[in-house]
Amino acid sequence: MYAGVDWHQRITVDQRVLAGKPIVRGTRLSVEFILGLLSSGWKDEQILENYPTLTVEDVRACLAYARWVVEGERVFEVRA
């Protein structure tokens, strides 16, 4: 859980939807897509206006999911 958002309640994976990419539950909007909007400078308000099925909690869940994924990464230096 991150910043009070339990992404497990809002993010799901279904092999039949978008080839199994993580999506916001009940939509066909991928976490990757939402993160792309945010990284392009979209504000929460713009996302919610353009995708009215989403909630601000859904957007936060995408961020929490991304943090969880990155948190689990390990980087090792490889010397040539």
N, C-alpha and C. Protein backbone atom coordinates (compact mmCIF):
# COMPACT_ATOMS: atom_id res chain seq x y z
N MET A 1 0.85 -1.18 0.00
CA MET A 1 0.00 0.00 0.00
C MET A 1 0.89 1.24 0.00
N TYR A 2 0.49 2.26 -0.74
CA TYR A 2 1.27 3.48 -0.87
C TYR A 2 0.35 4.68 -0.73
N ALA A 3 0.72 5.58 0.17
CA ALA A 3 -0.03 6.83 0.37
C ALA A 3 -1.52 6.59 0.56
N GLY A 4 -1.86 5.52 1.31
CA GLY A 4 -3.25 5.26 1.62
C GLY A 4 -4.03 4.60 0.49
N VAL A 5 -3.36 4.25 -0.61
CA VAL A 5 -4.05 3.64 -1.74
C VAL A 5 -3.67 2.17 -1.83
N ASP A 6 -4.65 1.30 -1.77
CA ASP A 6 -4.41 -0.13 -1.95
C ASP A 6 -4.68 -0.46 -3.41
N TRP A 7 -3.61 -0.52 -4.19
CA TRP A 7 -3.77 -0.72 -5.63
C TRP A 7 -4.40 -2.07 -5.94
N HIS A 8 -4.28 -3.03 -5.04
CA HIS A 8 -4.86 -4.37 -5.27
C HIS A 8 -6.37 -4.32 -5.50
N GLN A 9 -7.02 -3.32 -4.96
CA GLN A 9 -8.46 -3.19 -5.12
C GLN A 9 -8.85 -2.57 -6.46
N ARG A 10 -7.90 -1.94 -7.15
CA ARG A 10 -8.23 -1.17 -8.34
C ARG A 10 -7.50 -1.60 -9.61
N ILE A 11 -6.40 -2.31 -9.46
CA ILE A 11 -5.61 -2.74 -10.61
C ILE A 11 -5.75 -4.25 -10.75
N THR A 12 -5.97 -4.70 -11.98
CA THR A 12 -6.14 -6.13 -12.22
C THR A 12 -5.43 -6.53 -13.51
N VAL A 13 -5.22 -7.83 -13.64
CA VAL A 13 -4.62 -8.39 -14.85
C VAL A 13 -5.54 -9.50 -15.34
N ASP A 14 -5.90 -9.40 -16.60
CA ASP A 14 -6.77 -10.40 -17.23
C ASP A 14 -6.18 -10.68 -18.60
N GLN A 15 -5.75 -11.90 -18.83
CA GLN A 15 -5.12 -12.26 -20.11
C GLN A 15 -6.01 -11.96 -21.31
N ARG A 16 -7.32 -11.86 -21.10
CA ARG A 16 -8.25 -11.59 -22.20
C ARG A 16 -8.38 -10.11 -22.51
N VAL A 17 -7.82 -9.26 -21.67
CA VAL A 17 -7.92 -7.81 -21.86
C VAL A 17 -6.53 -7.22 -22.03
N LEU A 18 -6.30 -6.57 -23.16
CA LEU A 18 -5.02 -5.92 -23.47
C LEU A 18 -3.83 -6.85 -23.29
N ALA A 19 -4.01 -8.10 -23.68
CA ALA A 19 -2.93 -9.10 -23.64
C ALA A 19 -2.33 -9.26 -22.25
N GLY A 20 -3.14 -9.03 -21.22
CA GLY A 20 -2.69 -9.25 -19.86
C GLY A 20 -1.95 -8.10 -19.21
N LYS A 21 -1.98 -6.94 -19.85
CA LYS A 21 -1.35 -5.77 -19.20
C LYS A 21 -2.17 -5.38 -17.98
N PRO A 22 -1.54 -4.84 -16.95
CA PRO A 22 -2.29 -4.35 -15.80
C PRO A 22 -3.23 -3.22 -16.22
N ILE A 23 -4.48 -3.30 -15.81
CA ILE A 23 -5.49 -2.30 -16.16
C ILE A 23 -6.22 -1.84 -14.92
N VAL A 24 -6.90 -0.72 -15.04
CA VAL A 24 -7.80 -0.25 -13.99
C VAL A 24 -9.04 -1.13 -14.05
N ARG A 25 -9.36 -1.74 -12.93
CA ARG A 25 -10.49 -2.69 -12.85
C ARG A 25 -11.76 -2.07 -13.45
N GLY A 26 -12.43 -2.85 -14.28
CA GLY A 26 -13.69 -2.41 -14.88
C GLY A 26 -13.53 -1.55 -16.11
N THR A 27 -12.28 -1.37 -16.56
CA THR A 27 -12.02 -0.57 -17.76
C THR A 27 -11.10 -1.34 -18.69
N ARG A 28 -10.81 -0.74 -19.81
CA ARG A 28 -9.78 -1.25 -20.72
C ARG A 28 -8.62 -0.25 -20.76
N LEU A 29 -8.47 0.51 -19.69
CA LEU A 29 -7.40 1.50 -19.60
C LEU A 29 -6.23 0.91 -18.82
N SER A 30 -5.07 0.83 -19.47
CA SER A 30 -3.92 0.21 -18.83
C SER A 30 -3.23 1.19 -17.88
N VAL A 31 -2.55 0.61 -16.90
CA VAL A 31 -1.73 1.40 -16.00
C VAL A 31 -0.70 2.16 -16.82
N GLU A 32 -0.12 1.50 -17.80
CA GLU A 32 0.87 2.12 -18.68
C GLU A 32 0.30 3.37 -19.36
N PHE A 33 -0.93 3.29 -19.83
CA PHE A 33 -1.57 4.42 -20.50
C PHE A 33 -1.75 5.59 -19.53
N ILE A 34 -2.25 5.32 -18.34
CA ILE A 34 -2.47 6.38 -17.34
C ILE A 34 -1.14 7.01 -16.95
N LEU A 35 -0.12 6.19 -16.73
CA LEU A 35 1.20 6.73 -16.40
C LEU A 35 1.75 7.58 -17.54
N GLY A 36 1.47 7.16 -18.76
CA GLY A 36 1.90 7.95 -19.93
C GLY A 36 1.25 9.32 -19.95
N LEU A 37 -0.03 9.37 -19.63
CA LEU A 37 -0.72 10.66 -19.57
C LEU A 37 -0.08 11.55 -18.51
N LEU A 38 0.14 10.98 -17.32
CA LEU A 38 0.73 11.75 -16.23
C LEU A 38 2.13 12.23 -16.59
N SER A 39 2.92 11.36 -17.21
CA SER A 39 4.29 11.76 -17.56
C SER A 39 4.32 12.77 -18.70
N SER A 40 3.23 12.86 -19.44
CA SER A 40 3.12 13.87 -20.51
C SER A 40 2.60 15.20 -19.98
N GLY A 41 2.35 15.27 -18.68
CA GLY A 41 1.94 16.53 -18.08
C GLY A 41 0.45 16.67 -17.83
N TRP A 42 -0.33 15.63 -18.14
CA TRP A 42 -1.77 15.70 -17.87
C TRP A 42 -2.00 15.82 -16.37
N LYS A 43 -2.92 16.65 -16.00
CA LYS A 43 -3.36 16.79 -14.60
C LYS A 43 -4.47 15.79 -14.33
N ASP A 44 -4.65 15.46 -13.06
CA ASP A 44 -5.72 14.53 -12.67
C ASP A 44 -7.06 14.97 -13.27
N GLU A 45 -7.33 16.26 -13.20
CA GLU A 45 -8.60 16.79 -13.68
C GLU A 45 -8.80 16.50 -15.17
N GLN A 46 -7.73 16.64 -15.94
CA GLN A 46 -7.82 16.37 -17.38
C GLN A 46 -8.10 14.90 -17.65
N ILE A 47 -7.44 14.03 -16.90
CA ILE A 47 -7.66 12.60 -17.07
C ILE A 47 -9.09 12.24 -16.73
N LEU A 48 -9.57 12.74 -15.60
CA LEU A 48 -10.93 12.42 -15.15
C LEU A 48 -11.99 13.00 -16.10
N GLU A 49 -11.71 14.15 -16.67
CA GLU A 49 -12.66 14.75 -17.62
C GLU A 49 -12.73 13.94 -18.91
N ASN A 50 -11.59 13.46 -19.37
CA ASN A 50 -11.54 12.72 -20.62
C ASN A 50 -11.90 11.24 -20.46
N TYR A 51 -11.77 10.72 -19.27
CA TYR A 51 -12.08 9.31 -19.00
C TYR A 51 -12.97 9.26 -17.74
N PRO A 52 -14.24 9.61 -17.89
CA PRO A 52 -15.14 9.78 -16.75
C PRO A 52 -15.41 8.51 -15.94
N THR A 53 -15.04 7.35 -16.46
CA THR A 53 -15.21 6.13 -15.66
C THR A 53 -14.14 6.00 -14.59
N LEU A 54 -13.07 6.80 -14.70
CA LEU A 54 -11.99 6.76 -13.71
C LEU A 54 -12.29 7.66 -12.53
N THR A 55 -11.66 7.33 -11.41
CA THR A 55 -11.71 8.17 -10.22
C THR A 55 -10.29 8.61 -9.88
N VAL A 56 -10.16 9.59 -9.05
CA VAL A 56 -8.84 10.03 -8.62
C VAL A 56 -8.13 8.88 -7.89
N GLU A 57 -8.88 8.03 -7.21
CA GLU A 57 -8.30 6.88 -6.53
C GLU A 57 -7.71 5.89 -7.54
N ASP A 58 -8.35 5.76 -8.71
CA ASP A 58 -7.83 4.89 -9.76
C ASP A 58 -6.47 5.41 -10.25
N VAL A 59 -6.38 6.71 -10.44
CA VAL A 59 -5.13 7.32 -10.90
C VAL A 59 -4.05 7.10 -9.85
N ARG A 60 -4.38 7.31 -8.59
CA ARG A 60 -3.43 7.09 -7.50
C ARG A 60 -3.02 5.62 -7.42
N ALA A 61 -3.95 4.73 -7.69
CA ALA A 61 -3.64 3.30 -7.68
C ALA A 61 -2.63 2.95 -8.77
N CYS A 62 -2.72 3.61 -9.92
CA CYS A 62 -1.74 3.39 -10.98
C CYS A 62 -0.35 3.80 -10.52
N LEU A 63 -0.27 4.93 -9.84
CA LEU A 63 1.02 5.38 -9.31
C LEU A 63 1.53 4.42 -8.24
N ALA A 64 0.64 3.97 -7.37
CA ALA A 64 1.04 3.04 -6.32
C ALA A 64 1.52 1.71 -6.91
N TYR A 65 0.84 1.24 -7.94
CA TYR A 65 1.25 0.01 -8.62
C TYR A 65 2.64 0.18 -9.24
N ALA A 66 2.86 1.30 -9.92
CA ALA A 66 4.17 1.57 -10.53
C ALA A 66 5.26 1.61 -9.47
N ARG A 67 4.98 2.21 -8.35
CA ARG A 67 5.97 2.25 -7.28
C ARG A 67 6.27 0.85 -6.79
N TRP A 68 5.24 0.03 -6.62
CA TRP A 68 5.42 -1.34 -6.16
C TRP A 68 6.31 -2.12 -7.13
N VAL A 69 6.08 -1.95 -8.43
CA VAL A 69 6.87 -2.65 -9.45
C VAL A 69 8.33 -2.21 -9.36
N VAL A 70 8.56 -0.91 -9.31
CA VAL A 70 9.93 -0.38 -9.25
C VAL A 70 10.61 -0.77 -7.95
N GLU A 71 9.86 -0.77 -6.88
CA GLU A 71 10.40 -1.14 -5.57
C GLU A 71 10.99 -2.55 -5.59
N GLY A 72 10.40 -3.43 -6.38
CA GLY A 72 10.85 -4.81 -6.46
C GLY A 72 12.02 -5.03 -7.39
N GLU A 73 12.40 -4.02 -8.13
CA GLU A 73 13.53 -4.16 -9.06
C GLU A 73 14.84 -4.13 -8.32
N ARG A 74 15.78 -4.91 -8.81
CA ARG A 74 17.15 -4.87 -8.28
C ARG A 74 18.07 -4.59 -9.45
N VAL A 75 18.98 -3.68 -9.25
CA VAL A 75 19.91 -3.30 -10.31
C VAL A 75 21.31 -3.72 -9.88
N PHE A 76 21.97 -4.40 -10.78
CA PHE A 76 23.32 -4.86 -10.51
C PHE A 76 24.27 -4.29 -11.55
N GLU A 77 25.41 -3.85 -11.10
CA GLU A 77 26.41 -3.31 -12.03
C GLU A 77 27.05 -4.48 -12.77
N VAL A 78 27.17 -4.33 -14.07
CA VAL A 78 27.82 -5.33 -14.89
C VAL A 78 29.08 -4.69 -15.46
N ARG A 79 30.19 -5.27 -15.16
CA ARG A 79 31.46 -4.72 -15.67
C ARG A 79 31.90 -5.52 -16.87
N ALA A 80 32.35 -4.80 -17.88
CA ALA A 80 32.80 -5.46 -19.11
C ALA A 80 34.22 -5.92 -19.00
